[in-house]
N, C-alpha and C. Protein backbone atom coordinates (compact mmCIF):
# COMPACT_ATOMS: atom_id res chain seq x y z
N MET A 1 127.72 57.44 200.57
CA MET A 1 128.10 56.10 201.07
C MET A 1 126.77 55.49 201.51
N LYS A 2 125.73 56.20 202.41
CA LYS A 2 124.01 56.05 202.24
C LYS A 2 123.07 56.04 201.22
N ILE A 3 123.95 56.97 200.24
CA ILE A 3 122.96 56.61 199.54
C ILE A 3 123.28 55.59 198.13
N PHE A 4 124.59 55.31 198.17
CA PHE A 4 125.14 53.92 197.50
C PHE A 4 124.61 53.15 197.71
N LEU A 5 124.32 52.63 199.09
CA LEU A 5 124.19 51.65 199.63
C LEU A 5 122.27 51.54 199.67
N LYS A 6 121.81 52.67 199.60
CA LYS A 6 120.50 52.47 199.23
C LYS A 6 120.24 52.07 197.67
N ASN A 7 121.09 52.78 197.38
CA ASN A 7 120.49 52.61 195.73
C ASN A 7 121.25 50.80 194.63
N ASN A 8 121.98 50.40 195.67
CA ASN A 8 122.64 49.04 195.39
C ASN A 8 122.39 47.66 196.67
N GLY A 9 121.57 47.96 197.14
CA GLY A 9 121.50 47.07 198.54
C GLY A 9 121.23 45.37 197.80
N LEU A 10 120.51 45.40 196.92
CA LEU A 10 120.18 44.32 196.68
C LEU A 10 121.49 43.40 196.00
N CYS A 11 122.00 43.92 195.09
CA CYS A 11 123.33 43.73 194.20
C CYS A 11 124.27 43.27 195.96
N ILE A 12 124.70 44.31 196.59
CA ILE A 12 125.32 44.38 197.64
C ILE A 12 125.39 42.87 198.16
N CYS A 13 124.23 42.57 198.78
CA CYS A 13 123.72 41.90 199.98
C CYS A 13 123.99 40.29 198.98
N PHE A 14 123.06 40.59 197.95
CA PHE A 14 123.88 38.80 197.39
C PHE A 14 125.23 38.63 197.35
N LEU A 15 125.62 39.81 196.81
CA LEU A 15 127.43 39.67 196.43
C LEU A 15 127.84 39.21 197.85
N ILE A 16 127.63 39.88 199.29
CA ILE A 16 128.13 39.39 200.55
C ILE A 16 127.64 38.12 201.07
N LEU A 17 126.46 37.77 200.49
CA LEU A 17 125.93 36.27 200.34
C LEU A 17 126.83 35.05 199.67
N PHE A 18 127.12 35.74 198.42
CA PHE A 18 128.24 34.94 197.68
C PHE A 18 129.49 34.77 197.74
N ILE A 19 130.29 35.76 198.35
CA ILE A 19 131.54 35.45 198.94
C ILE A 19 131.69 34.72 200.43
N GLY A 20 131.01 34.76 201.09
CA GLY A 20 130.65 33.92 202.55
C GLY A 20 130.52 32.60 201.78
N SER A 21 129.38 32.47 201.06
CA SER A 21 128.95 31.17 200.84
C SER A 21 130.26 30.12 199.59
N LEU A 22 131.37 30.75 198.89
CA LEU A 22 132.06 30.25 198.61
C LEU A 22 133.47 30.36 199.54
N ALA A 23 133.71 31.03 200.22
CA ALA A 23 134.48 30.84 201.27
C ALA A 23 133.90 29.65 202.11
N GLY A 24 132.59 29.57 202.34
CA GLY A 24 132.99 28.37 203.26
C GLY A 24 132.86 26.94 202.17
N GLN A 25 132.17 26.82 201.40
CA GLN A 25 132.06 25.82 200.27
C GLN A 25 133.82 25.58 200.18
N ILE A 26 135.19 26.50 200.03
CA ILE A 26 136.23 26.24 199.94
C ILE A 26 137.23 25.75 201.02
N ILE A 27 136.84 26.21 202.19
CA ILE A 27 137.04 26.01 203.43
C ILE A 27 136.96 24.45 202.92
N LEU A 28 135.63 23.85 203.52
CA LEU A 28 135.53 23.26 203.78
C LEU A 28 135.31 21.64 202.74
N GLY A 29 135.62 21.90 201.64
CA GLY A 29 135.54 21.45 200.35
C GLY A 29 137.25 21.10 200.55
N PHE A 30 138.04 21.71 200.63
CA PHE A 30 139.50 21.52 201.33
C PHE A 30 139.69 21.12 202.39
N ASN A 31 138.54 20.83 203.18
CA ASN A 31 138.86 19.59 204.69
C ASN A 31 138.49 18.17 204.25
N GLU A 32 137.14 18.56 203.08
CA GLU A 32 136.58 17.47 202.37
C GLU A 32 137.60 16.38 201.59
N HIS A 33 138.07 17.21 200.59
CA HIS A 33 138.94 16.55 199.76
C HIS A 33 140.37 15.91 200.37
N ASN A 34 141.10 16.87 201.40
CA ASN A 34 142.11 16.28 202.51
C ASN A 34 141.70 14.69 202.61
N LYS A 35 140.81 14.79 203.14
CA LYS A 35 140.05 13.60 204.17
C LYS A 35 139.63 12.31 203.26
N GLU A 36 139.37 12.52 202.19
CA GLU A 36 139.13 11.68 200.75
C GLU A 36 140.33 11.09 200.32
N LEU A 37 141.19 11.74 200.20
CA LEU A 37 143.05 11.42 199.98
C LEU A 37 143.52 11.16 200.74
N ILE A 38 143.36 11.22 202.29
CA ILE A 38 143.93 10.34 203.39
C ILE A 38 143.32 8.95 203.55
N ASP A 39 142.08 8.78 203.25
CA ASP A 39 141.45 7.72 203.05
C ASP A 39 142.27 6.61 202.25
N GLU A 40 142.27 7.75 200.77
CA GLU A 40 142.71 6.36 199.56
C GLU A 40 144.62 6.10 200.35
N GLY A 41 145.09 6.88 201.41
CA GLY A 41 146.39 6.68 201.49
C GLY A 41 147.28 7.49 200.68
N ALA A 42 146.77 8.38 200.03
CA ALA A 42 147.66 9.40 199.73
C ALA A 42 147.51 10.62 200.51
N SER A 43 148.59 11.61 200.43
CA SER A 43 149.33 12.83 201.37
C SER A 43 148.12 13.55 201.14
N ALA A 44 147.98 14.95 202.06
CA ALA A 44 146.79 15.78 201.89
C ALA A 44 147.92 16.98 201.42
N ILE A 45 146.92 17.77 200.50
CA ILE A 45 147.64 18.81 199.84
C ILE A 45 147.31 19.92 200.10
N THR A 46 148.04 21.10 199.93
CA THR A 46 148.09 22.38 200.15
C THR A 46 146.67 23.18 199.87
N PHE A 47 146.89 24.32 200.84
CA PHE A 47 145.12 25.04 200.40
C PHE A 47 145.27 25.44 199.01
N ALA A 48 146.83 25.89 198.79
CA ALA A 48 146.99 26.48 197.70
C ALA A 48 147.19 25.44 196.11
N SER A 49 147.44 24.09 196.88
CA SER A 49 147.17 23.21 195.53
C SER A 49 145.37 23.16 195.38
N TYR A 50 144.42 23.52 196.74
CA TYR A 50 143.51 22.72 196.46
C TYR A 50 142.48 23.78 195.38
N LEU A 51 142.96 24.83 195.54
CA LEU A 51 142.61 26.06 194.63
C LEU A 51 142.92 26.02 193.21
N THR A 52 143.84 24.73 192.79
CA THR A 52 143.87 24.28 191.49
C THR A 52 143.42 23.34 191.29
N SER A 53 142.72 22.24 192.13
CA SER A 53 142.34 21.18 192.08
C SER A 53 141.34 20.87 191.37
N GLY A 54 140.94 19.65 190.27
CA GLY A 54 139.84 19.31 189.84
C GLY A 54 138.59 19.36 190.53
N HIS A 55 138.90 19.08 192.21
CA HIS A 55 137.53 18.83 193.00
C HIS A 55 137.15 20.20 193.31
N PHE A 56 138.11 21.15 193.35
CA PHE A 56 137.46 22.44 193.41
C PHE A 56 136.53 22.84 192.20
N PHE A 57 137.53 23.44 191.00
CA PHE A 57 136.51 23.11 189.98
C PHE A 57 135.57 22.86 189.39
N GLN A 58 135.48 21.19 190.05
CA GLN A 58 134.19 20.74 189.09
C GLN A 58 133.04 20.51 190.15
N SER A 59 133.48 21.28 191.14
CA SER A 59 132.33 21.38 192.61
C SER A 59 131.56 22.89 192.24
N THR A 60 132.63 23.82 192.10
CA THR A 60 132.19 25.23 191.92
C THR A 60 131.38 25.49 190.71
N PHE A 61 132.44 24.86 189.63
CA PHE A 61 131.60 25.92 187.92
C PHE A 61 130.33 24.36 187.63
N GLU A 62 130.29 23.48 188.45
CA GLU A 62 128.89 22.86 188.00
C GLU A 62 127.60 23.62 188.64
N ASN A 63 127.57 24.41 189.78
CA ASN A 63 126.74 24.78 190.33
C ASN A 63 126.87 26.22 189.67
N TRP A 64 127.67 26.62 189.26
CA TRP A 64 127.77 28.31 188.09
C TRP A 64 126.96 27.82 187.45
N GLU A 65 127.61 26.71 186.63
CA GLU A 65 126.67 26.36 184.68
C GLU A 65 125.66 26.13 185.49
N SER A 66 124.74 25.72 185.61
CA SER A 66 123.46 25.40 185.91
C SER A 66 122.44 26.73 186.22
N GLU A 67 123.09 27.58 187.22
CA GLU A 67 123.00 28.97 187.34
C GLU A 67 122.29 29.81 185.94
N PHE A 68 123.52 30.03 185.81
CA PHE A 68 123.41 30.77 184.03
C PHE A 68 122.90 30.25 182.89
N LEU A 69 122.52 28.82 182.95
CA LEU A 69 121.73 28.18 182.66
C LEU A 69 119.84 28.16 182.40
N GLN A 70 119.80 28.28 183.68
CA GLN A 70 118.71 28.46 184.23
C GLN A 70 117.86 30.26 183.95
N MET A 71 119.35 30.93 184.31
CA MET A 71 118.73 32.39 183.91
C MET A 71 118.14 32.61 182.79
N ALA A 72 119.30 31.97 182.04
CA ALA A 72 118.89 32.14 179.96
C ALA A 72 118.07 31.50 179.51
N LEU A 73 117.25 30.38 180.12
CA LEU A 73 116.50 30.00 179.40
C LEU A 73 115.41 30.66 180.01
N PHE A 74 115.43 31.35 180.79
CA PHE A 74 114.06 31.95 181.73
C PHE A 74 113.89 33.25 180.91
N VAL A 75 115.22 33.83 181.10
CA VAL A 75 115.11 35.24 180.03
C VAL A 75 114.44 35.16 178.49
N LEU A 76 115.05 34.26 178.12
CA LEU A 76 114.30 33.81 176.48
C LEU A 76 113.16 33.12 176.63
N LEU A 77 112.92 31.91 177.18
CA LEU A 77 111.40 31.97 177.20
C LEU A 77 110.09 32.79 177.56
N THR A 78 110.74 33.30 178.71
CA THR A 78 109.76 34.72 179.26
C THR A 78 109.16 35.53 178.00
N ILE A 79 109.94 35.15 176.83
CA ILE A 79 109.51 36.67 175.60
C ILE A 79 108.43 35.32 175.10
N PHE A 80 108.57 34.53 174.55
CA PHE A 80 107.04 33.48 173.88
C PHE A 80 106.11 32.69 174.36
N LEU A 81 106.57 32.67 175.83
CA LEU A 81 105.72 31.49 176.50
C LEU A 81 105.41 32.50 178.10
N LYS A 82 104.06 32.32 178.21
CA LYS A 82 103.45 33.25 179.38
C LYS A 82 102.53 31.98 180.25
N GLN A 83 102.13 32.35 181.40
CA GLN A 83 101.63 31.63 182.68
C GLN A 83 100.18 32.18 182.94
N LYS A 84 99.36 32.24 182.93
CA LYS A 84 98.28 32.85 183.32
C LYS A 84 97.91 33.22 185.29
N GLY A 85 98.26 34.11 185.43
CA GLY A 85 98.04 34.46 186.88
C GLY A 85 99.25 34.58 187.31
N SER A 86 100.33 34.66 186.80
CA SER A 86 102.02 34.55 187.38
C SER A 86 102.71 35.63 187.56
N SER A 87 103.42 36.09 188.56
CA SER A 87 103.78 37.64 188.93
C SER A 87 104.58 37.42 187.57
N GLU A 88 105.53 36.17 187.35
CA GLU A 88 106.71 36.20 186.82
C GLU A 88 106.56 36.26 185.08
N SER A 89 105.31 36.64 184.79
CA SER A 89 104.83 36.21 183.42
C SER A 89 104.43 37.62 182.50
N LYS A 90 104.72 37.58 181.47
CA LYS A 90 104.05 38.68 180.82
C LYS A 90 102.23 38.85 180.73
N LYS A 91 101.98 39.82 180.43
CA LYS A 91 100.38 39.43 180.65
C LYS A 91 100.14 39.03 179.34
N ILE A 92 98.94 38.21 179.61
CA ILE A 92 98.15 36.91 178.13
C ILE A 92 98.19 37.88 177.07
N ASP A 93 97.14 38.73 177.00
CA ASP A 93 96.96 39.36 175.82
C ASP A 93 97.00 40.93 175.73
N GLU A 94 97.33 41.53 176.24
CA GLU A 94 98.36 42.76 176.18
C GLU A 94 99.18 43.27 175.84
N PRO A 95 99.75 44.46 175.85
CA PRO A 95 100.81 44.66 175.39
C PRO A 95 101.83 44.99 176.42
N GLU A 96 103.08 44.53 176.60
CA GLU A 96 103.79 44.97 177.52
C GLU A 96 105.14 46.29 177.03
N GLU A 97 105.37 46.87 177.78
CA GLU A 97 106.97 48.14 177.74
C GLU A 97 107.91 47.37 177.25
N VAL A 98 108.02 46.10 177.80
CA VAL A 98 109.09 45.13 177.14
C VAL A 98 109.19 44.87 175.92
N ASP A 99 108.35 44.96 175.26
CA ASP A 99 108.13 44.75 173.87
C ASP A 99 108.09 45.73 172.88
N ARG A 100 108.20 46.75 173.16
CA ARG A 100 108.27 48.44 172.53
C ARG A 100 109.70 48.29 171.62
N GLU A 101 109.54 48.93 170.39
CA GLU A 101 110.87 49.02 170.24
C GLU A 101 111.58 50.37 170.70
N PRO A 102 112.85 50.26 171.07
CA PRO A 102 113.72 51.50 171.75
C PRO A 102 113.67 52.96 171.04
N ASP A 103 113.53 53.90 171.53
CA ASP A 103 113.81 55.36 171.40
C ASP A 103 114.73 55.71 171.53
N PRO A 104 115.63 56.27 170.41
CA PRO A 104 116.89 56.41 169.99
C PRO A 104 116.92 58.27 170.47
N THR A 105 115.63 59.00 170.51
CA THR A 105 115.75 60.20 170.55
C THR A 105 115.30 60.59 172.16
N LYS A 106 115.21 58.85 173.15
CA LYS A 106 114.66 59.89 174.66
C LYS A 106 116.29 59.91 175.23
N LYS A 107 116.18 61.09 176.08
CA LYS A 107 117.44 61.55 176.66
C LYS A 107 118.28 60.76 177.30
N ASP A 108 118.08 59.55 178.33
CA ASP A 108 118.91 59.04 178.96
C ASP A 108 118.77 57.56 178.23
N SER A 109 118.40 57.58 177.34
CA SER A 109 119.01 55.98 176.61
C SER A 109 120.34 55.11 176.65
N PRO A 110 120.70 54.07 176.63
CA PRO A 110 121.72 53.41 176.76
C PRO A 110 122.55 54.40 175.27
N TRP A 111 123.61 53.96 175.04
CA TRP A 111 123.77 54.48 174.07
C TRP A 111 124.15 53.63 172.61
N PRO A 112 124.06 52.21 172.90
CA PRO A 112 124.27 51.57 172.15
C PRO A 112 122.86 52.06 171.21
N VAL A 113 121.74 52.47 171.98
CA VAL A 113 120.33 52.74 171.39
C VAL A 113 120.47 54.16 170.51
N LYS A 114 121.42 54.78 171.06
CA LYS A 114 121.41 55.92 170.24
C LYS A 114 122.21 55.75 169.45
N LYS A 115 122.96 54.68 168.72
CA LYS A 115 123.98 54.44 168.12
C LYS A 115 123.25 53.62 166.85
N GLY A 116 122.55 52.77 167.56
CA GLY A 116 121.31 51.98 166.37
C GLY A 116 122.37 50.60 165.70
N GLY A 117 121.56 50.55 164.65
CA GLY A 117 122.37 49.47 163.46
C GLY A 117 122.45 48.38 164.33
N PHE A 118 123.47 47.42 163.83
CA PHE A 118 124.10 46.32 164.58
C PHE A 118 124.24 46.06 165.75
N ILE A 119 124.89 47.67 166.61
CA ILE A 119 125.29 47.21 167.81
C ILE A 119 123.87 47.17 168.34
N LEU A 120 122.66 48.35 168.26
CA LEU A 120 121.36 47.92 168.67
C LEU A 120 120.94 46.50 168.67
N LYS A 121 120.97 45.87 167.56
CA LYS A 121 120.45 44.64 167.30
C LYS A 121 120.93 43.57 168.35
N ILE A 122 122.29 43.60 168.95
CA ILE A 122 123.12 42.96 169.42
C ILE A 122 122.49 43.23 171.17
N TYR A 123 122.49 44.59 171.32
CA TYR A 123 122.19 44.90 172.89
C TYR A 123 120.38 44.63 172.90
N LYS A 124 119.87 44.47 172.18
CA LYS A 124 118.38 44.34 172.39
C LYS A 124 118.47 42.72 172.85
N HIS A 125 119.30 41.82 172.57
CA HIS A 125 119.43 40.37 172.96
C HIS A 125 120.66 40.33 173.97
N SER A 126 121.44 41.83 174.56
CA SER A 126 122.63 41.23 175.64
C SER A 126 122.34 40.60 176.39
N LEU A 127 121.27 40.73 177.30
CA LEU A 127 121.00 39.78 178.20
C LEU A 127 121.00 38.46 177.98
N THR A 128 120.22 38.02 177.15
CA THR A 128 120.24 36.00 176.79
C THR A 128 121.61 35.93 176.39
N ILE A 129 122.13 36.86 175.10
CA ILE A 129 124.04 36.23 175.40
C ILE A 129 124.74 36.37 175.74
N VAL A 130 124.73 37.22 176.98
CA VAL A 130 126.14 37.29 178.13
C VAL A 130 125.42 36.07 178.85
N LEU A 131 124.38 35.54 179.61
CA LEU A 131 123.90 34.82 180.34
C LEU A 131 124.21 33.03 179.30
N PHE A 132 124.00 32.72 178.21
CA PHE A 132 124.90 31.97 177.52
C PHE A 132 125.98 31.47 177.21
N ILE A 133 126.93 33.09 177.42
CA ILE A 133 128.02 32.83 177.40
C ILE A 133 128.65 32.28 178.48
N LEU A 134 128.15 33.03 179.56
CA LEU A 134 128.44 32.49 180.68
C LEU A 134 128.13 30.90 181.18
N PHE A 135 127.16 30.10 180.69
CA PHE A 135 126.93 29.23 180.92
C PHE A 135 127.85 28.19 179.86
N VAL A 136 128.19 28.62 179.22
CA VAL A 136 129.15 27.79 178.06
C VAL A 136 130.53 27.98 178.96
N ILE A 137 130.82 29.30 179.69
CA ILE A 137 132.08 28.98 180.11
C ILE A 137 132.26 28.36 181.21
N SER A 138 131.38 28.18 181.95
CA SER A 138 131.14 27.70 183.47
C SER A 138 130.99 26.20 183.16
N PHE A 139 130.10 25.82 182.08
CA PHE A 139 129.98 24.44 181.46
C PHE A 139 131.42 23.69 181.04
N VAL A 140 132.32 24.61 180.28
CA VAL A 140 133.26 24.27 179.87
C VAL A 140 134.47 23.84 180.78
N ILE A 141 134.05 24.55 181.91
CA ILE A 141 135.28 24.81 183.31
C ILE A 141 135.08 23.75 184.01
N HIS A 142 133.60 23.57 184.47
CA HIS A 142 132.95 22.18 184.99
C HIS A 142 133.77 21.12 184.15
N PHE A 143 133.56 20.93 183.18
CA PHE A 143 134.15 19.80 182.30
C PHE A 143 135.97 19.59 182.49
N PHE A 144 136.47 20.41 182.36
CA PHE A 144 137.98 19.75 182.79
C PHE A 144 137.87 19.72 184.42
N GLY A 145 137.46 20.26 185.29
CA GLY A 145 137.94 19.89 186.77
C GLY A 145 137.30 18.94 186.74
N SER A 146 135.78 18.11 186.52
CA SER A 146 135.44 17.42 186.48
C SER A 146 136.27 16.00 185.73
N LEU A 147 137.11 16.10 184.86
CA LEU A 147 138.06 15.44 184.40
C LEU A 147 138.87 15.18 184.76
N LYS A 148 139.92 16.64 185.50
CA LYS A 148 141.39 15.88 186.32
C LYS A 148 140.87 15.74 187.66
N ASP A 149 139.29 16.05 188.12
CA ASP A 149 139.43 15.10 189.17
C ASP A 149 139.17 13.96 189.34
N GLU A 150 138.44 12.93 188.42
CA GLU A 150 138.60 11.83 187.97
C GLU A 150 139.80 11.03 188.17
N ASN A 151 140.65 12.09 187.25
CA ASN A 151 141.90 11.53 186.84
C ASN A 151 142.57 11.36 187.81
N GLU A 152 142.81 12.13 188.52
CA GLU A 152 143.28 12.49 190.24
C GLU A 152 142.74 11.26 190.57
N GLN A 153 141.81 10.79 191.01
CA GLN A 153 141.33 9.66 192.15
C GLN A 153 142.05 8.16 190.86
N LEU A 154 141.56 8.10 189.86
CA LEU A 154 142.13 7.42 188.73
C LEU A 154 143.62 7.26 188.87
N SER A 155 144.17 7.94 189.42
CA SER A 155 145.92 7.82 189.49
C SER A 155 145.95 7.17 190.99
N LEU A 156 145.59 7.99 191.94
CA LEU A 156 145.60 6.93 193.48
C LEU A 156 145.48 5.75 193.13
N LYS A 157 144.41 5.22 192.14
CA LYS A 157 143.77 3.62 191.92
C LYS A 157 145.19 2.57 191.11
N GLY A 158 146.04 3.72 190.53
CA GLY A 158 146.49 3.05 189.16
C GLY A 158 145.84 3.05 188.42
N GLU A 159 144.86 3.22 188.07
CA GLU A 159 144.05 2.59 186.66
C GLU A 159 144.26 3.88 185.54
N PRO A 160 143.89 3.66 184.19
CA PRO A 160 143.71 4.46 183.10
C PRO A 160 143.10 5.38 183.69
N LEU A 161 143.92 6.77 182.57
CA LEU A 161 143.46 7.90 182.86
C LEU A 161 142.30 8.28 181.47
N GLU A 162 141.16 8.83 182.15
CA GLU A 162 140.54 9.37 180.92
C GLU A 162 141.04 10.28 180.47
N THR A 163 140.46 10.57 178.88
CA THR A 163 140.93 11.46 177.83
C THR A 163 140.05 12.20 177.69
N ILE A 164 139.72 13.53 176.89
CA ILE A 164 138.78 14.30 176.88
C ILE A 164 137.47 13.83 175.94
N SER A 165 138.36 13.02 174.95
CA SER A 165 137.26 12.44 174.15
C SER A 165 136.24 11.44 174.59
N SER A 166 136.54 10.82 175.89
CA SER A 166 136.06 9.81 176.46
C SER A 166 135.41 10.03 177.96
N TYR A 167 135.84 10.89 178.29
CA TYR A 167 135.45 11.50 179.33
C TYR A 167 133.77 12.62 179.01
N ILE A 168 133.91 12.65 177.70
CA ILE A 168 132.57 13.93 177.50
C ILE A 168 131.41 12.73 177.54
N GLY A 169 131.32 11.65 177.29
CA GLY A 169 130.30 10.94 177.38
C GLY A 169 130.40 9.91 178.86
N ASN A 170 131.04 10.89 179.57
CA ASN A 170 131.48 9.57 180.95
C ASN A 170 129.98 9.79 181.86
N SER A 171 129.17 8.88 182.83
CA SER A 171 127.98 9.33 183.24
C SER A 171 128.22 10.23 184.35
N ARG A 172 129.57 10.12 185.21
CA ARG A 172 129.50 10.77 186.57
C ARG A 172 129.55 12.43 185.56
N PHE A 173 130.42 12.87 184.56
CA PHE A 173 130.32 14.01 184.54
C PHE A 173 128.42 14.50 183.81
N TRP A 174 127.45 13.85 183.47
CA TRP A 174 126.42 14.41 183.04
C TRP A 174 125.44 14.29 184.19
N PHE A 175 125.97 13.47 185.36
CA PHE A 175 125.63 13.36 186.29
C PHE A 175 125.51 14.53 186.78
N GLU A 176 126.58 14.66 187.48
CA GLU A 176 126.83 15.86 187.65
C GLU A 176 126.24 17.41 187.57
N SER A 177 125.84 17.54 185.96
CA SER A 177 125.15 18.17 185.30
C SER A 177 123.68 18.23 185.29
N PHE A 178 123.35 17.16 185.03
CA PHE A 178 121.57 16.98 185.29
C PHE A 178 120.87 17.13 186.65
N GLN A 179 122.21 16.54 187.93
CA GLN A 179 121.28 17.26 189.48
C GLN A 179 121.26 18.18 189.66
N ASN A 180 122.13 19.66 188.90
CA ASN A 180 122.17 20.72 189.36
C ASN A 180 121.08 21.38 188.60
N TRP A 181 121.10 21.08 187.02
CA TRP A 181 120.11 21.64 186.27
C TRP A 181 118.61 21.50 186.49
N GLN A 182 118.27 19.96 187.26
CA GLN A 182 116.81 19.87 187.69
C GLN A 182 116.38 20.49 188.85
N SER A 183 117.43 20.70 189.31
CA SER A 183 117.09 21.65 190.87
C SER A 183 116.55 23.35 190.51
N GLU A 184 117.37 23.36 189.00
CA GLU A 184 117.28 25.06 188.90
C GLU A 184 115.71 25.01 188.03
N PHE A 185 115.66 24.12 187.27
CA PHE A 185 114.43 24.17 186.85
C PHE A 185 113.12 24.08 187.70
N LEU A 186 113.34 23.11 188.32
CA LEU A 186 112.28 22.96 189.68
C LEU A 186 112.09 24.19 190.30
N SER A 187 113.16 25.29 190.65
CA SER A 187 113.05 26.54 191.45
C SER A 187 112.40 27.47 190.81
N VAL A 188 112.60 27.57 189.25
CA VAL A 188 111.45 28.47 188.42
C VAL A 188 110.55 27.96 188.47
N PHE A 189 110.10 26.67 188.26
CA PHE A 189 108.47 25.95 188.45
C PHE A 189 108.27 26.61 189.18
N ALA A 190 108.67 26.54 190.69
CA ALA A 190 107.90 26.65 191.99
C ALA A 190 107.65 28.25 192.14
N ILE A 191 108.42 28.85 191.79
CA ILE A 191 108.63 30.76 192.16
C ILE A 191 107.17 30.55 190.68
N ILE A 192 107.44 30.48 189.29
CA ILE A 192 106.13 30.85 188.65
C ILE A 192 104.88 30.21 189.36
N MET A 193 104.59 29.25 189.34
CA MET A 193 103.46 28.30 190.17
C MET A 193 103.10 28.78 191.35
N LEU A 194 103.90 29.27 192.30
CA LEU A 194 103.48 29.64 193.37
C LEU A 194 102.98 31.28 193.55
N SER A 195 103.51 31.58 192.57
CA SER A 195 103.38 33.61 192.34
C SER A 195 101.77 33.96 192.19
N ILE A 196 101.09 32.53 191.98
CA ILE A 196 99.95 32.59 191.10
C ILE A 196 98.58 32.67 192.37
N TYR A 197 99.13 32.02 193.45
CA TYR A 197 98.32 31.83 194.54
C TYR A 197 98.69 32.91 195.88
N LEU A 198 100.21 32.69 196.17
CA LEU A 198 100.98 33.72 197.37
C LEU A 198 101.29 34.47 197.02
N ARG A 199 101.55 35.15 198.20
CA ARG A 199 102.45 36.67 197.83
C ARG A 199 103.07 36.80 199.46
N GLN A 200 103.76 38.35 198.72
CA GLN A 200 104.28 38.98 200.00
C GLN A 200 104.84 40.29 199.53
N ILE A 201 104.07 40.59 200.56
CA ILE A 201 103.98 42.44 200.33
C ILE A 201 105.50 43.33 200.46
N GLY A 202 105.36 43.66 199.46
CA GLY A 202 107.06 44.91 199.13
C GLY A 202 107.64 44.00 198.27
N SER A 203 107.32 42.67 197.80
CA SER A 203 109.05 42.12 197.12
C SER A 203 108.51 42.15 195.65
N SER A 204 109.07 42.51 194.68
CA SER A 204 108.80 42.61 193.74
C SER A 204 108.40 41.70 192.52
N GLN A 205 108.71 40.68 193.27
CA GLN A 205 108.60 39.40 192.42
C GLN A 205 107.19 38.86 193.09
N SER A 206 106.62 39.48 193.88
CA SER A 206 104.77 39.22 194.26
C SER A 206 103.74 40.26 193.38
N LYS A 207 102.86 39.95 193.29
CA LYS A 207 101.56 40.85 192.82
C LYS A 207 101.27 41.04 194.29
N PRO A 208 100.75 42.22 193.86
CA PRO A 208 99.73 43.05 194.87
C PRO A 208 98.84 42.13 195.65
N VAL A 209 98.90 42.09 197.24
CA VAL A 209 98.52 41.04 198.28
C VAL A 209 96.87 40.87 197.72
N ASP A 210 96.34 41.97 197.46
CA ASP A 210 94.61 41.73 196.92
C ASP A 210 93.95 41.63 195.82
N ALA A 211 95.20 41.32 194.89
CA ALA A 211 95.30 41.15 193.75
C ALA A 211 94.46 39.88 193.22
N PRO A 212 93.46 39.44 192.09
CA PRO A 212 93.18 38.00 192.16
C PRO A 212 94.10 37.29 191.53
N HIS A 213 94.08 35.49 191.98
CA HIS A 213 94.73 34.87 191.44
C HIS A 213 94.72 34.89 189.90
N ALA A 214 94.07 35.11 189.21
CA ALA A 214 94.48 35.35 187.87
C ALA A 214 95.09 36.42 187.06
N GLU A 215 94.86 37.47 187.87
CA GLU A 215 95.61 38.34 187.05
C GLU A 215 97.26 37.70 186.85
N THR A 216 97.60 38.70 185.71
CA THR A 216 99.00 38.03 185.25
C THR A 216 100.12 39.22 185.37
N GLY A 217 101.16 38.79 185.71
CA GLY A 217 102.33 39.89 185.67
C GLY A 217 102.60 40.43 187.03
N GLY A 218 103.50 41.11 187.42
CA GLY A 218 103.95 41.51 188.73
C GLY A 218 103.33 43.23 189.11
């Protein structure tokens, strides 16, 4: 168990933080949504009903959507674009280990590398592909959750409901998306730029403390 925790501590820590944060969001979101319903003159819903409500799906997946978009673009753009001095960038004019072609004769190579052919071609881009797939899935669930929540609110007011085709151009939906996208892009910009001049001893996301500002790469 100690070896398992040592080898997987980073994933375990963030998984625990994720579960705790999600639980907090669900509980507080449930209370907030019921408060809004009561203010509108409607009856409060049960906890189970909240977990299938538009409010829950919209508030959850609009955040997941932006996270997966940010990670997918970051992985993709760091193939081609560089930032001198940043620990988050590949070196400016030097070859990188990540750019070399995979060696199928290497003892512990993953099975797609040994298999070769079309499977290897897919595997070489699998991280970006999966991140974009997760973004699209989250985007779609966010859209339908937001649509459901909007129609729940319109229904309480006795107003006509939105259709899928009309809601795709609704400013509310795109406002929800862009307010999250911009924060993710800002956070990536911040870590790229701050890692040029600032250090954190012991972190893989920082350059060595005594490294010059112009040194690029971790």
